[in-house]
């Protein structure tokens, strides 16, 4: 089942499979979380998430990138997190 994001998800940390923060949910529009990337994440992680090259402040989080959603965070799938 794909996650359906709501306004309750605004402010949640978005973390990779290793638990490193890659951003924070800044808004939810039509069930899609829009993430403000952490300034320290690498371009390769941004590229894996489809967040590179647009110059936007926030980026839509693709449902297939999400492993699970908890009360505090949204965890990404291992293959998209940039881990080794």
C-alpha atoms as a PDB file:
ATOM      1  CA  UNK A   1       0.000   0.000   0.000  1.00  0.00           C
ATOM      2  CA  UNK A   2       1.369   3.399  -0.977  1.00  0.00           C
ATOM      3  CA  UNK A   3       1.631   6.009   1.735  1.00  0.00           C
ATOM      4  CA  UNK A   4      -0.979   8.760   1.658  1.00  0.00           C
ATOM      5  CA  UNK A   5       0.608  11.828   3.158  1.00  0.00           C
ATOM      6  CA  UNK A   6      -1.446  14.358   5.134  1.00  0.00           C
ATOM      7  CA  UNK A   7      -0.823  17.670   6.859  1.00  0.00           C
ATOM      8  CA  UNK A   8       0.105  15.609   9.935  1.00  0.00           C
ATOM      9  CA  UNK A   9       3.317  14.640   8.111  1.00  0.00           C
ATOM     10  CA  UNK A  10       4.514  18.248   7.770  1.00  0.00           C
ATOM     11  CA  UNK A  11       7.655  18.736   9.840  1.00  0.00           C
ATOM     12  CA  UNK A  12       8.652  15.060   9.836  1.00  0.00           C
ATOM     13  CA  UNK A  13      12.278  14.210   9.151  1.00  0.00           C
ATOM     14  CA  UNK A  14      13.022  12.304   5.953  1.00  0.00           C
ATOM     15  CA  UNK A  15      15.850   9.851   6.557  1.00  0.00           C
ATOM     16  CA  UNK A  16      17.711   7.363   4.403  1.00  0.00           C
ATOM     17  CA  UNK A  17      17.898   3.659   5.232  1.00  0.00           C
ATOM     18  CA  UNK A  18      20.944   4.334   7.454  1.00  0.00           C
ATOM     19  CA  UNK A  19      19.018   6.895   9.526  1.00  0.00           C
ATOM     20  CA  UNK A  20      20.816   9.950   8.111  1.00  0.00           C
ATOM     21  CA  UNK A  21      18.533  12.932   7.625  1.00  0.00           C
ATOM     22  CA  UNK A  22      18.098  14.005   3.999  1.00  0.00           C
ATOM     23  CA  UNK A  23      15.386  16.601   4.520  1.00  0.00           C
ATOM     24  CA  UNK A  24      12.123  17.577   6.154  1.00  0.00           C
ATOM     25  CA  UNK A  25       8.539  17.559   4.910  1.00  0.00           C
ATOM     26  CA  UNK A  26       7.692  21.193   4.228  1.00  0.00           C
ATOM     27  CA  UNK A  27       4.232  20.734   2.687  1.00  0.00           C
ATOM     28  CA  UNK A  28       1.716  18.138   1.560  1.00  0.00           C
ATOM     29  CA  UNK A  29      -0.241  18.741  -1.636  1.00  0.00           C
ATOM     30  CA  UNK A  30      -2.813  16.267  -2.990  1.00  0.00           C
ATOM     31  CA  UNK A  31      -1.342  13.439  -0.880  1.00  0.00           C
ATOM     32  CA  UNK A  32       2.252  14.077  -2.015  1.00  0.00           C
ATOM     33  CA  UNK A  33       4.874  15.110   0.524  1.00  0.00           C
ATOM     34  CA  UNK A  34       7.132  17.970  -0.591  1.00  0.00           C
ATOM     35  CA  UNK A  35      10.544  17.816   1.041  1.00  0.00           C
ATOM     36  CA  UNK A  36      12.997  20.599   1.783  1.00  0.00           C
ATOM     37  CA  UNK A  37      16.391  18.903   1.353  1.00  0.00           C
ATOM     38  CA  UNK A  38      18.998  19.093   4.086  1.00  0.00           C
ATOM     39  CA  UNK A  39      21.741  21.457   2.856  1.00  0.00           C
ATOM     40  CA  UNK A  40      24.377  18.802   3.555  1.00  0.00           C
ATOM     41  CA  UNK A  41      23.039  15.969   1.396  1.00  0.00           C
ATOM     42  CA  UNK A  42      25.090  15.034  -1.620  1.00  0.00           C
ATOM     43  CA  UNK A  43      24.158  15.597  -5.236  1.00  0.00           C
ATOM     44  CA  UNK A  44      24.179  11.828  -5.800  1.00  0.00           C
ATOM     45  CA  UNK A  45      21.420  11.350  -3.215  1.00  0.00           C
ATOM     46  CA  UNK A  46      19.450  14.217  -4.751  1.00  0.00           C
ATOM     47  CA  UNK A  47      19.816  12.581  -8.169  1.00  0.00           C
ATOM     48  CA  UNK A  48      18.565   9.206  -6.862  1.00  0.00           C
ATOM     49  CA  UNK A  49      15.501  10.939  -5.463  1.00  0.00           C
ATOM     50  CA  UNK A  50      14.923  12.949  -8.646  1.00  0.00           C
ATOM     51  CA  UNK A  51      15.671  16.190  -6.798  1.00  0.00           C
ATOM     52  CA  UNK A  52      18.546  17.511  -8.894  1.00  0.00           C
ATOM     53  CA  UNK A  53      18.665  20.210 -11.497  1.00  0.00           C
ATOM     54  CA  UNK A  54      15.357  21.978 -10.915  1.00  0.00           C
ATOM     55  CA  UNK A  55      16.539  24.651  -8.485  1.00  0.00           C
ATOM     56  CA  UNK A  56      13.393  24.284  -6.406  1.00  0.00           C
ATOM     57  CA  UNK A  57      13.188  24.892  -2.653  1.00  0.00           C
ATOM     58  CA  UNK A  58      11.144  21.730  -2.097  1.00  0.00           C
ATOM     59  CA  UNK A  59      10.814  18.493  -4.050  1.00  0.00           C
ATOM     60  CA  UNK A  60       8.001  15.939  -4.294  1.00  0.00           C
ATOM     61  CA  UNK A  61       8.744  12.681  -2.529  1.00  0.00           C
ATOM     62  CA  UNK A  62       8.037   9.755  -4.846  1.00  0.00           C
ATOM     63  CA  UNK A  63       5.924   7.065  -3.172  1.00  0.00           C
ATOM     64  CA  UNK A  64       8.173   4.273  -4.427  1.00  0.00           C
ATOM     65  CA  UNK A  65      11.111   5.872  -2.550  1.00  0.00           C
ATOM     66  CA  UNK A  66       9.377   5.424   0.832  1.00  0.00           C
ATOM     67  CA  UNK A  67      10.084   2.344   2.925  1.00  0.00           C
ATOM     68  CA  UNK A  68       7.914   3.273   5.906  1.00  0.00           C
ATOM     69  CA  UNK A  69       6.295   6.171   7.725  1.00  0.00           C
ATOM     70  CA  UNK A  70       6.384   6.474  11.516  1.00  0.00           C
ATOM     71  CA  UNK A  71       5.082   9.100  13.926  1.00  0.00           C
ATOM     72  CA  UNK A  72       8.427  10.937  13.748  1.00  0.00           C
ATOM     73  CA  UNK A  73       9.984  10.258  10.370  1.00  0.00           C
ATOM     74  CA  UNK A  74       9.718   9.012   6.815  1.00  0.00           C
ATOM     75  CA  UNK A  75      12.319   6.372   6.011  1.00  0.00           C
ATOM     76  CA  UNK A  76      13.532   5.839   2.454  1.00  0.00           C
ATOM     77  CA  UNK A  77      14.253   2.559   0.686  1.00  0.00           C
ATOM     78  CA  UNK A  78      17.828   1.269   0.854  1.00  0.00           C
ATOM     79  CA  UNK A  79      18.406   1.456  -2.919  1.00  0.00           C
ATOM     80  CA  UNK A  80      17.544   5.167  -3.001  1.00  0.00           C
ATOM     81  CA  UNK A  81      19.385   6.301   0.105  1.00  0.00           C
ATOM     82  CA  UNK A  82      22.901   6.494  -1.216  1.00  0.00           C
ATOM     83  CA  UNK A  83      24.207   3.860   1.202  1.00  0.00           C
ATOM     84  CA  UNK A  84      26.863   1.374   0.212  1.00  0.00           C
END
